[in-house]
Amino acid sequence: MEKIKVVQLRSSIKRIKSQKRTLEALGLRGIGKEVIHNSSPSILGMIKKVEHLVSVVKV
């Protein structure tokens, strides 16, 4: 399965609770933090929900 690197670029302050929880579920806890995930439909759906806060790169 393909790996993707997700980097948080913008803050979760003043965001709705579901977006904050989605960032936490992805493992992102602050600006500049990055995590690597498998490219599964559930992960891609979570990224789509917070795409304005993160950057995604194929690894």
PDB file of N, CA and C in Angstrom:
ATOM      1  N   MET A   1       0.842  -1.180   0.000  1.00  0.00           N
ATOM      2  CA  MET A   1       0.000   0.000   0.000  1.00  0.00           C
ATOM      3  C   MET A   1       0.890   1.247   0.000  1.00  0.00           C
ATOM      4  N   GLU A   2       0.448   2.253  -0.707  1.00  0.00           N
ATOM      5  CA  GLU A   2       1.220   3.488  -0.853  1.00  0.00           C
ATOM      6  C   GLU A   2       1.238   4.289   0.448  1.00  0.00           C
ATOM      7  N   LYS A   3       2.388   4.867   0.761  1.00  0.00           N
ATOM      8  CA  LYS A   3       2.538   5.697   1.959  1.00  0.00           C
ATOM      9  C   LYS A   3       2.409   7.174   1.594  1.00  0.00           C
ATOM     10  N   ILE A   4       1.817   7.938   2.514  1.00  0.00           N
ATOM     11  CA  ILE A   4       1.722   9.381   2.328  1.00  0.00           C
ATOM     12  C   ILE A   4       2.178  10.073   3.603  1.00  0.00           C
ATOM     13  N   LYS A   5       2.814  11.227   3.433  1.00  0.00           N
ATOM     14  CA  LYS A   5       3.249  12.044   4.572  1.00  0.00           C
ATOM     15  C   LYS A   5       2.309  13.228   4.684  1.00  0.00           C
ATOM     16  N   VAL A   6       1.757  13.425   5.878  1.00  0.00           N
ATOM     17  CA  VAL A   6       0.815  14.512   6.137  1.00  0.00           C
ATOM     18  C   VAL A   6       1.488  15.494   7.092  1.00  0.00           C
ATOM     19  N   VAL A   7       1.525  16.768   6.714  1.00  0.00           N
ATOM     20  CA  VAL A   7       2.163  17.810   7.523  1.00  0.00           C
ATOM     21  C   VAL A   7       1.114  18.863   7.851  1.00  0.00           C
ATOM     22  N   GLN A   8       1.009  19.226   9.126  1.00  0.00           N
ATOM     23  CA  GLN A   8       0.070  20.284   9.523  1.00  0.00           C
ATOM     24  C   GLN A   8       0.711  21.635   9.247  1.00  0.00           C
ATOM     25  N   LEU A   9       0.012  22.463   8.473  1.00  0.00           N
ATOM     26  CA  LEU A   9       0.534  23.774   8.085  1.00  0.00           C
ATOM     27  C   LEU A   9      -0.143  24.926   8.809  1.00  0.00           C
ATOM     28  N   ARG A  10      -1.401  24.737   9.215  1.00  0.00           N
ATOM     29  CA  ARG A  10      -2.154  25.807   9.846  1.00  0.00           C
ATOM     30  C   ARG A  10      -2.702  25.332  11.184  1.00  0.00           C
ATOM     31  N   SER A  11      -3.009  26.277  12.041  1.00  0.00           N
ATOM     32  CA  SER A  11      -3.466  25.987  13.394  1.00  0.00           C
ATOM     33  C   SER A  11      -4.906  25.481  13.416  1.00  0.00           C
ATOM     34  N   SER A  12      -5.229  24.746  14.473  1.00  0.00           N
ATOM     35  CA  SER A  12      -6.598  24.267  14.664  1.00  0.00           C
ATOM     36  C   SER A  12      -7.410  25.213  15.546  1.00  0.00           C
ATOM     37  N   ILE A  13      -6.798  26.302  15.976  1.00  0.00           N
ATOM     38  CA  ILE A  13      -7.517  27.289  16.783  1.00  0.00           C
ATOM     39  C   ILE A  13      -8.613  27.918  15.922  1.00  0.00           C
ATOM     40  N   LYS A  14      -9.773  28.138  16.503  1.00  0.00           N
ATOM     41  CA  LYS A  14     -10.955  28.705  15.837  1.00  0.00           C
ATOM     42  C   LYS A  14     -11.499  27.808  14.729  1.00  0.00           C
ATOM     43  N   ARG A  15     -11.270  26.510  14.824  1.00  0.00           N
ATOM     44  CA  ARG A  15     -11.839  25.543  13.891  1.00  0.00           C
ATOM     45  C   ARG A  15     -12.947  24.787  14.607  1.00  0.00           C
ATOM     46  N   ILE A  16     -13.854  24.202  13.843  1.00  0.00           N
ATOM     47  CA  ILE A  16     -14.938  23.464  14.474  1.00  0.00           C
ATOM     48  C   ILE A  16     -14.382  22.186  15.112  1.00  0.00           C
ATOM     49  N   LYS A  17     -15.102  21.682  16.105  1.00  0.00           N
ATOM     50  CA  LYS A  17     -14.622  20.568  16.914  1.00  0.00           C
ATOM     51  C   LYS A  17     -14.318  19.327  16.080  1.00  0.00           C
ATOM     52  N   SER A  18     -15.120  19.073  15.052  1.00  0.00           N
ATOM     53  CA  SER A  18     -14.891  17.877  14.239  1.00  0.00           C
ATOM     54  C   SER A  18     -13.561  17.959  13.483  1.00  0.00           C
ATOM     55  N   GLN A  19     -13.159  19.156  13.072  1.00  0.00           N
ATOM     56  CA  GLN A  19     -11.866  19.304  12.395  1.00  0.00           C
ATOM     57  C   GLN A  19     -10.722  19.118  13.379  1.00  0.00           C
ATOM     58  N   LYS A  20     -10.877  19.625  14.603  1.00  0.00           N
ATOM     59  CA  LYS A  20      -9.851  19.425  15.626  1.00  0.00           C
ATOM     60  C   LYS A  20      -9.680  17.947  15.931  1.00  0.00           C
ATOM     61  N   ARG A  21     -10.799  17.236  16.058  1.00  0.00           N
ATOM     62  CA  ARG A  21     -10.744  15.801  16.347  1.00  0.00           C
ATOM     63  C   ARG A  21     -10.139  15.021  15.188  1.00  0.00           C
ATOM     64  N   THR A  22     -10.401  15.457  13.960  1.00  0.00           N
ATOM     65  CA  THR A  22      -9.830  14.794  12.792  1.00  0.00           C
ATOM     66  C   THR A  22      -8.313  14.950  12.778  1.00  0.00           C
ATOM     67  N   LEU A  23      -7.818  16.136  13.098  1.00  0.00           N
ATOM     68  CA  LEU A  23      -6.365  16.339  13.172  1.00  0.00           C
ATOM     69  C   LEU A  23      -5.749  15.441  14.244  1.00  0.00           C
ATOM     70  N   GLU A  24      -6.403  15.334  15.390  1.00  0.00           N
ATOM     71  CA  GLU A  24      -5.895  14.468  16.454  1.00  0.00           C
ATOM     72  C   GLU A  24      -5.911  13.011  16.022  1.00  0.00           C
ATOM     73  N   ALA A  25      -6.957  12.605  15.308  1.00  0.00           N
ATOM     74  CA  ALA A  25      -7.061  11.223  14.836  1.00  0.00           C
ATOM     75  C   ALA A  25      -5.963  10.903  13.821  1.00  0.00           C
ATOM     76  N   LEU A  26      -5.554  11.904  13.066  1.00  0.00           N
ATOM     77  CA  LEU A  26      -4.450  11.721  12.126  1.00  0.00           C
ATOM     78  C   LEU A  26      -3.101  11.693  12.840  1.00  0.00           C
ATOM     79  N   GLY A  27      -3.052  12.116  14.087  1.00  0.00           N
ATOM     80  CA  GLY A  27      -1.803  12.134  14.842  1.00  0.00           C
ATOM     81  C   GLY A  27      -1.094  13.467  14.790  1.00  0.00           C
ATOM     82  N   LEU A  28      -1.780  14.505  14.336  1.00  0.00           N
ATOM     83  CA  LEU A  28      -1.177  15.832  14.231  1.00  0.00           C
ATOM     84  C   LEU A  28      -1.556  16.650  15.453  1.00  0.00           C
ATOM     85  N   ARG A  29      -0.557  17.211  16.130  1.00  0.00           N
ATOM     86  CA  ARG A  29      -0.800  17.936  17.362  1.00  0.00           C
ATOM     87  C   ARG A  29      -0.228  19.343  17.354  1.00  0.00           C
ATOM     88  N   GLY A  30       0.154  19.844  16.189  1.00  0.00           N
ATOM     89  CA  GLY A  30       0.664  21.211  16.124  1.00  0.00           C
ATOM     90  C   GLY A  30       1.232  21.531  14.765  1.00  0.00           C
ATOM     91  N   ILE A  31       1.436  22.806  14.531  1.00  0.00           N
ATOM     92  CA  ILE A  31       1.974  23.260  13.254  1.00  0.00           C
ATOM     93  C   ILE A  31       3.388  22.716  13.073  1.00  0.00           C
ATOM     94  N   GLY A  32       3.663  22.199  11.882  1.00  0.00           N
ATOM     95  CA  GLY A  32       4.980  21.658  11.576  1.00  0.00           C
ATOM     96  C   GLY A  32       5.129  20.180  11.889  1.00  0.00           C
ATOM     97  N   LYS A  33       4.174  19.596  12.588  1.00  0.00           N
ATOM     98  CA  LYS A  33       4.244  18.164  12.903  1.00  0.00           C
ATOM     99  C   LYS A  33       3.888  17.372  11.665  1.00  0.00           C
ATOM    100  N   GLU A  34       4.530  16.222  11.486  1.00  0.00           N
ATOM    101  CA  GLU A  34       4.252  15.383  10.328  1.00  0.00           C
ATOM    102  C   GLU A  34       4.129  13.929  10.743  1.00  0.00           C
ATOM    103  N   VAL A  35       3.284  13.213  10.025  1.00  0.00           N
ATOM    104  CA  VAL A  35       3.061  11.786  10.266  1.00  0.00           C
ATOM    105  C   VAL A  35       3.003  11.079   8.917  1.00  0.00           C
ATOM    106  N   ILE A  36       3.285   9.780   8.944  1.00  0.00           N
ATOM    107  CA  ILE A  36       3.216   8.965   7.734  1.00  0.00           C
ATOM    108  C   ILE A  36       2.119   7.928   7.929  1.00  0.00           C
ATOM    109  N   HIS A  37       1.239   7.825   6.939  1.00  0.00           N
ATOM    110  CA  HIS A  37       0.121   6.895   6.969  1.00  0.00           C
ATOM    111  C   HIS A  37       0.086   6.105   5.668  1.00  0.00           C
ATOM    112  N   ASN A  38      -0.592   4.953   5.716  1.00  0.00           N
ATOM    113  CA  ASN A  38      -0.917   4.235   4.489  1.00  0.00           C
ATOM    114  C   ASN A  38      -2.048   4.983   3.792  1.00  0.00           C
ATOM    115  N   SER A  39      -2.063   4.924   2.486  1.00  0.00           N
ATOM    116  CA  SER A  39      -3.074   5.632   1.707  1.00  0.00           C
ATOM    117  C   SER A  39      -4.343   4.782   1.609  1.00  0.00           C
ATOM    118  N   SER A  40      -5.133   4.770   2.667  1.00  0.00           N
ATOM    119  CA  SER A  40      -6.383   4.020   2.690  1.00  0.00           C
ATOM    120  C   SER A  40      -7.553   4.982   2.501  1.00  0.00           C
ATOM    121  N   PRO A  41      -8.712   4.472   2.120  1.00  0.00           N
ATOM    122  CA  PRO A  41      -9.864   5.354   1.925  1.00  0.00           C
ATOM    123  C   PRO A  41     -10.246   6.133   3.182  1.00  0.00           C
ATOM    124  N   SER A  42     -10.120   5.536   4.350  1.00  0.00           N
ATOM    125  CA  SER A  42     -10.488   6.250   5.577  1.00  0.00           C
ATOM    126  C   SER A  42      -9.521   7.399   5.864  1.00  0.00           C
ATOM    127  N   ILE A  43      -8.236   7.183   5.666  1.00  0.00           N
ATOM    128  CA  ILE A  43      -7.240   8.243   5.882  1.00  0.00           C
ATOM    129  C   ILE A  43      -7.432   9.357   4.850  1.00  0.00           C
ATOM    130  N   LEU A  44      -7.679   8.987   3.600  1.00  0.00           N
ATOM    131  CA  LEU A  44      -7.885  10.000   2.562  1.00  0.00           C
ATOM    132  C   LEU A  44      -9.135  10.823   2.829  1.00  0.00           C
ATOM    133  N   GLY A  45     -10.167  10.215   3.392  1.00  0.00           N
ATOM    134  CA  GLY A  45     -11.379  10.942   3.754  1.00  0.00           C
ATOM    135  C   GLY A  45     -11.119  11.940   4.864  1.00  0.00           C
ATOM    136  N   MET A  46     -10.309  11.540   5.856  1.00  0.00           N
ATOM    137  CA  MET A  46      -9.976  12.461   6.943  1.00  0.00           C
ATOM    138  C   MET A  46      -9.147  13.623   6.417  1.00  0.00           C
ATOM    139  N   ILE A  47      -8.224  13.338   5.506  1.00  0.00           N
ATOM    140  CA  ILE A  47      -7.399  14.398   4.925  1.00  0.00           C
ATOM    141  C   ILE A  47      -8.271  15.363   4.125  1.00  0.00           C
ATOM    142  N   LYS A  48      -9.244  14.851   3.406  1.00  0.00           N
ATOM    143  CA  LYS A  48     -10.154  15.697   2.620  1.00  0.00           C
ATOM    144  C   LYS A  48     -10.913  16.668   3.524  1.00  0.00           C
ATOM    145  N   LYS A  49     -11.239  16.222   4.740  1.00  0.00           N
ATOM    146  CA  LYS A  49     -12.000  17.058   5.672  1.00  0.00           C
ATOM    147  C   LYS A  49     -11.173  18.239   6.178  1.00  0.00           C
ATOM    148  N   VAL A  50      -9.857  18.075   6.282  1.00  0.00           N
ATOM    149  CA  VAL A  50      -8.993  19.145   6.813  1.00  0.00           C
ATOM    150  C   VAL A  50      -7.923  19.553   5.802  1.00  0.00           C
ATOM    151  N   GLU A  51      -8.227  19.434   4.516  1.00  0.00           N
ATOM    152  CA  GLU A  51      -7.227  19.707   3.493  1.00  0.00           C
ATOM    153  C   GLU A  51      -6.721  21.142   3.491  1.00  0.00           C
ATOM    154  N   HIS A  52      -7.503  22.072   4.057  1.00  0.00           N
ATOM    155  CA  HIS A  52      -7.085  23.468   4.121  1.00  0.00           C
ATOM    156  C   HIS A  52      -6.086  23.712   5.260  1.00  0.00           C
ATOM    157  N   LEU A  53      -5.871  22.710   6.107  1.00  0.00           N
ATOM    158  CA  LEU A  53      -4.943  22.837   7.239  1.00  0.00           C
ATOM    159  C   LEU A  53      -3.657  22.030   7.072  1.00  0.00           C
ATOM    160  N   VAL A  54      -3.636  21.123   6.105  1.00  0.00           N
ATOM    161  CA  VAL A  54      -2.510  20.185   5.969  1.00  0.00           C
ATOM    162  C   VAL A  54      -1.951  20.176   4.556  1.00  0.00           C
ATOM    163  N   SER A  55      -0.777  19.565   4.436  1.00  0.00           N
ATOM    164  CA  SER A  55      -0.145  19.323   3.154  1.00  0.00           C
ATOM    165  C   SER A  55       0.118  17.827   3.058  1.00  0.00           C
ATOM    166  N   VAL A  56      -0.044  17.252   1.866  1.00  0.00           N
ATOM    167  CA  VAL A  56       0.118  15.813   1.679  1.00  0.00           C
ATOM    168  C   VAL A  56       1.150  15.572   0.581  1.00  0.00           C
ATOM    169  N   VAL A  57       2.110  14.656   0.871  1.00  0.00           N
ATOM    170  CA  VAL A  57       3.159  14.307  -0.083  1.00  0.00           C
ATOM    171  C   VAL A  57       3.273  12.790  -0.115  1.00  0.00           C
ATOM    172  N   LYS A  58       3.416  12.221  -1.323  1.00  0.00           N
ATOM    173  CA  LYS A  58       3.638  10.782  -1.443  1.00  0.00           C
ATOM    174  C   LYS A  58       5.069  10.468  -1.023  1.00  0.00           C
ATOM    175  N   VAL A  59       5.219   9.357  -0.290  1.00  0.00           N
ATOM    176  CA  VAL A  59       6.543   8.969   0.193  1.00  0.00           C
ATOM    177  C   VAL A  59       7.079   7.841  -0.656  1.00  0.00           C
TER     178      VAL A  59
END
